[in-house]
Amino acid sequence: AHVTELWDFSQHLDIQSAREPHLLWIAEEAMSCKLPHGWEEVEQGDAAYFAHRVLGLTQWEHPLDPYFHALVMRAREAMHRL
């Protein structure tokens, strides 16, 4: 199940697993990463959103998604420079 989850999650980060297996470590890190301090995942029916009660923020996107998307882009750029 872990391989299937990793494959699916890599698509969420725009990693093309078959062509970019060297980037799968980023998806693995993202899957195992804890939420930043103050954030919680709130289940709502079949979906979930993220809330930071102190700051009064709610959002559908995991708070670290932008970081991991940027990491994928930087890793891709680094590979193209080689």
N, C-alpha and C. Protein backbone atom coordinates (compact mmCIF):
# COMPACT_ATOMS: atom_id res chain seq x y z
N ALA A 1 0.83 -1.21 0.00
CA ALA A 1 0.00 0.00 0.00
C ALA A 1 0.87 1.26 0.00
N HIS A 2 2.01 1.18 0.67
CA HIS A 2 2.88 2.36 0.76
C HIS A 2 3.33 2.84 -0.62
N VAL A 3 3.67 1.90 -1.51
CA VAL A 3 4.13 2.27 -2.85
C VAL A 3 3.02 2.96 -3.63
N THR A 4 1.80 2.44 -3.53
CA THR A 4 0.66 3.05 -4.21
C THR A 4 0.39 4.44 -3.66
N GLU A 5 0.42 4.59 -2.35
CA GLU A 5 0.22 5.91 -1.73
C GLU A 5 1.31 6.88 -2.18
N LEU A 6 2.54 6.42 -2.20
CA LEU A 6 3.65 7.27 -2.62
C LEU A 6 3.48 7.70 -4.07
N TRP A 7 3.09 6.77 -4.92
CA TRP A 7 2.88 7.06 -6.34
C TRP A 7 1.77 8.11 -6.49
N ASP A 8 0.65 7.90 -5.78
CA ASP A 8 -0.47 8.85 -5.85
C ASP A 8 -0.08 10.22 -5.32
N PHE A 9 0.62 10.23 -4.20
CA PHE A 9 1.00 11.52 -3.60
C PHE A 9 2.02 12.24 -4.46
N SER A 10 2.88 11.50 -5.13
CA SER A 10 3.86 12.15 -6.02
C SER A 10 3.13 12.91 -7.13
N GLN A 11 2.01 12.38 -7.61
CA GLN A 11 1.21 13.09 -8.61
C GLN A 11 0.67 14.40 -8.04
N HIS A 12 0.29 14.39 -6.78
CA HIS A 12 -0.19 15.60 -6.12
C HIS A 12 0.88 16.70 -6.14
N LEU A 13 2.13 16.29 -6.07
CA LEU A 13 3.24 17.25 -6.10
C LEU A 13 3.77 17.50 -7.51
N ASP A 14 3.04 17.00 -8.51
CA ASP A 14 3.41 17.15 -9.92
C ASP A 14 4.72 16.44 -10.28
N ILE A 15 5.02 15.37 -9.55
CA ILE A 15 6.18 14.53 -9.87
C ILE A 15 5.69 13.45 -10.82
N GLN A 16 6.37 13.30 -11.94
CA GLN A 16 6.04 12.24 -12.88
C GLN A 16 6.89 11.03 -12.51
N SER A 17 6.32 10.19 -11.67
CA SER A 17 7.06 9.10 -11.02
C SER A 17 7.85 8.23 -11.97
N ALA A 18 7.27 7.86 -13.10
CA ALA A 18 7.97 6.97 -14.04
C ALA A 18 9.19 7.65 -14.65
N ARG A 19 9.10 8.95 -14.92
CA ARG A 19 10.21 9.69 -15.52
C ARG A 19 11.12 10.34 -14.49
N GLU A 20 10.63 10.53 -13.28
CA GLU A 20 11.40 11.25 -12.26
C GLU A 20 11.48 10.46 -10.95
N PRO A 21 11.91 9.20 -11.00
CA PRO A 21 11.99 8.43 -9.76
C PRO A 21 12.96 9.04 -8.74
N HIS A 22 13.92 9.82 -9.22
CA HIS A 22 14.88 10.48 -8.34
C HIS A 22 14.22 11.57 -7.47
N LEU A 23 12.97 11.94 -7.78
CA LEU A 23 12.26 12.96 -6.99
C LEU A 23 11.27 12.35 -5.99
N LEU A 24 11.13 11.04 -6.02
CA LEU A 24 10.16 10.39 -5.12
C LEU A 24 10.48 10.60 -3.65
N TRP A 25 11.74 10.85 -3.32
CA TRP A 25 12.09 11.09 -1.93
C TRP A 25 11.37 12.32 -1.39
N ILE A 26 11.09 13.29 -2.27
CA ILE A 26 10.39 14.50 -1.83
C ILE A 26 8.96 14.15 -1.44
N ALA A 27 8.30 13.33 -2.24
CA ALA A 27 6.94 12.90 -1.90
C ALA A 27 6.93 12.11 -0.60
N GLU A 28 7.95 11.27 -0.42
CA GLU A 28 8.03 10.48 0.81
C GLU A 28 8.19 11.38 2.03
N GLU A 29 9.04 12.39 1.91
CA GLU A 29 9.21 13.36 3.00
C GLU A 29 7.91 14.09 3.29
N ALA A 30 7.23 14.53 2.23
CA ALA A 30 5.99 15.28 2.41
C ALA A 30 4.92 14.43 3.10
N MET A 31 4.86 13.15 2.74
CA MET A 31 3.87 12.25 3.33
C MET A 31 4.12 12.03 4.82
N SER A 32 5.36 12.04 5.22
CA SER A 32 5.67 11.73 6.62
C SER A 32 5.85 12.97 7.48
N CYS A 33 5.75 14.13 6.86
CA CYS A 33 5.98 15.38 7.58
C CYS A 33 4.78 15.73 8.48
N LYS A 34 5.07 16.15 9.68
CA LYS A 34 4.02 16.58 10.59
C LYS A 34 3.55 17.98 10.21
N LEU A 35 2.35 18.31 10.63
CA LEU A 35 1.85 19.66 10.41
C LEU A 35 2.68 20.66 11.21
N PRO A 36 2.86 21.87 10.68
CA PRO A 36 3.57 22.89 11.46
C PRO A 36 2.82 23.20 12.75
N HIS A 37 3.54 23.70 13.72
CA HIS A 37 2.97 24.03 15.03
C HIS A 37 1.74 24.94 14.87
N GLY A 38 0.67 24.59 15.56
CA GLY A 38 -0.54 25.39 15.53
C GLY A 38 -1.57 24.95 14.50
N TRP A 39 -1.16 24.12 13.55
CA TRP A 39 -2.08 23.64 12.51
C TRP A 39 -2.68 22.31 12.91
N GLU A 40 -3.91 22.07 12.47
CA GLU A 40 -4.55 20.78 12.66
C GLU A 40 -5.37 20.43 11.43
N GLU A 41 -5.53 19.14 11.21
CA GLU A 41 -6.35 18.66 10.10
C GLU A 41 -7.75 18.40 10.64
N VAL A 42 -8.75 18.94 9.97
CA VAL A 42 -10.14 18.82 10.40
C VAL A 42 -10.91 18.01 9.36
N GLU A 43 -11.44 16.87 9.79
CA GLU A 43 -12.22 16.03 8.88
C GLU A 43 -13.60 16.65 8.69
N GLN A 44 -14.04 16.67 7.43
CA GLN A 44 -15.37 17.19 7.12
C GLN A 44 -15.99 16.28 6.07
N GLY A 45 -16.76 15.30 6.52
CA GLY A 45 -17.33 14.32 5.59
C GLY A 45 -16.22 13.50 4.95
N ASP A 46 -16.18 13.49 3.63
CA ASP A 46 -15.15 12.75 2.89
C ASP A 46 -13.90 13.57 2.67
N ALA A 47 -13.93 14.83 3.04
CA ALA A 47 -12.80 15.72 2.80
C ALA A 47 -12.19 16.17 4.14
N ALA A 48 -11.09 16.86 4.02
CA ALA A 48 -10.45 17.41 5.22
C ALA A 48 -9.88 18.77 4.85
N TYR A 49 -9.86 19.66 5.82
CA TYR A 49 -9.22 20.96 5.62
C TYR A 49 -8.26 21.19 6.77
N PHE A 50 -7.50 22.24 6.68
CA PHE A 50 -6.48 22.54 7.68
C PHE A 50 -6.83 23.86 8.36
N ALA A 51 -6.66 23.88 9.67
CA ALA A 51 -7.03 25.07 10.44
C ALA A 51 -5.90 25.45 11.39
N HIS A 52 -5.72 26.75 11.53
CA HIS A 52 -4.82 27.31 12.53
C HIS A 52 -5.70 28.22 13.38
N ARG A 53 -6.13 27.69 14.50
CA ARG A 53 -7.14 28.39 15.32
C ARG A 53 -6.62 29.72 15.87
N VAL A 54 -5.37 29.77 16.29
CA VAL A 54 -4.81 31.00 16.86
C VAL A 54 -4.81 32.13 15.83
N LEU A 55 -4.41 31.80 14.61
CA LEU A 55 -4.38 32.80 13.54
C LEU A 55 -5.72 32.97 12.84
N GLY A 56 -6.66 32.08 13.13
CA GLY A 56 -7.97 32.15 12.51
C GLY A 56 -7.96 31.81 11.03
N LEU A 57 -7.05 30.91 10.62
CA LEU A 57 -6.93 30.54 9.21
C LEU A 57 -7.51 29.15 8.97
N THR A 58 -8.15 28.99 7.82
CA THR A 58 -8.54 27.67 7.35
C THR A 58 -8.21 27.60 5.87
N GLN A 59 -7.84 26.41 5.42
CA GLN A 59 -7.51 26.24 4.00
C GLN A 59 -7.60 24.77 3.65
N TRP A 60 -7.84 24.52 2.36
CA TRP A 60 -7.93 23.15 1.88
C TRP A 60 -6.55 22.56 1.64
N GLU A 61 -5.59 23.39 1.29
CA GLU A 61 -4.23 22.94 0.97
C GLU A 61 -3.43 22.73 2.26
N HIS A 62 -2.69 21.62 2.31
CA HIS A 62 -1.79 21.37 3.45
C HIS A 62 -0.84 22.56 3.57
N PRO A 63 -0.59 23.06 4.76
CA PRO A 63 0.26 24.25 4.93
C PRO A 63 1.67 24.11 4.35
N LEU A 64 2.16 22.89 4.19
CA LEU A 64 3.51 22.71 3.65
C LEU A 64 3.54 22.38 2.16
N ASP A 65 2.37 22.28 1.52
CA ASP A 65 2.34 21.98 0.09
C ASP A 65 3.17 22.97 -0.74
N PRO A 66 3.05 24.28 -0.52
CA PRO A 66 3.86 25.20 -1.31
C PRO A 66 5.37 24.94 -1.17
N TYR A 67 5.81 24.60 0.05
CA TYR A 67 7.22 24.30 0.28
C TYR A 67 7.65 23.09 -0.55
N PHE A 68 6.86 22.00 -0.51
CA PHE A 68 7.24 20.79 -1.23
C PHE A 68 7.12 20.96 -2.75
N HIS A 69 6.14 21.73 -3.21
CA HIS A 69 6.06 22.04 -4.65
C HIS A 69 7.31 22.79 -5.10
N ALA A 70 7.74 23.76 -4.31
CA ALA A 70 8.95 24.54 -4.64
C ALA A 70 10.18 23.64 -4.61
N LEU A 71 10.23 22.71 -3.67
CA LEU A 71 11.36 21.78 -3.57
C LEU A 71 11.45 20.91 -4.83
N VAL A 72 10.31 20.46 -5.32
CA VAL A 72 10.29 19.67 -6.56
C VAL A 72 10.85 20.51 -7.71
N MET A 73 10.41 21.75 -7.81
CA MET A 73 10.88 22.63 -8.90
C MET A 73 12.39 22.87 -8.80
N ARG A 74 12.88 23.12 -7.60
CA ARG A 74 14.33 23.35 -7.42
C ARG A 74 15.13 22.10 -7.75
N ALA A 75 14.65 20.95 -7.34
CA ALA A 75 15.35 19.69 -7.62
C ALA A 75 15.37 19.43 -9.12
N ARG A 76 14.28 19.72 -9.82
CA ARG A 76 14.22 19.57 -11.27
C ARG A 76 15.21 20.49 -11.95
N GLU A 77 15.23 21.75 -11.53
CA GLU A 77 16.17 22.71 -12.10
C GLU A 77 17.60 22.28 -11.88
N ALA A 78 17.90 21.77 -10.69
CA ALA A 78 19.26 21.31 -10.39
C ALA A 78 19.65 20.15 -11.30
N MET A 79 18.72 19.23 -11.57
CA MET A 79 19.02 18.11 -12.45
C MET A 79 19.27 18.57 -13.88
N HIS A 80 18.56 19.59 -14.33
CA HIS A 80 18.75 20.10 -15.69
C HIS A 80 20.08 20.83 -15.85
N ARG A 81 20.63 21.32 -14.75
CA ARG A 81 21.92 22.01 -14.81
C ARG A 81 23.08 21.05 -14.87
N LEU A 82 22.84 19.77 -14.54
CA LEU A 82 23.94 18.78 -14.55
C LEU A 82 24.33 18.39 -15.95
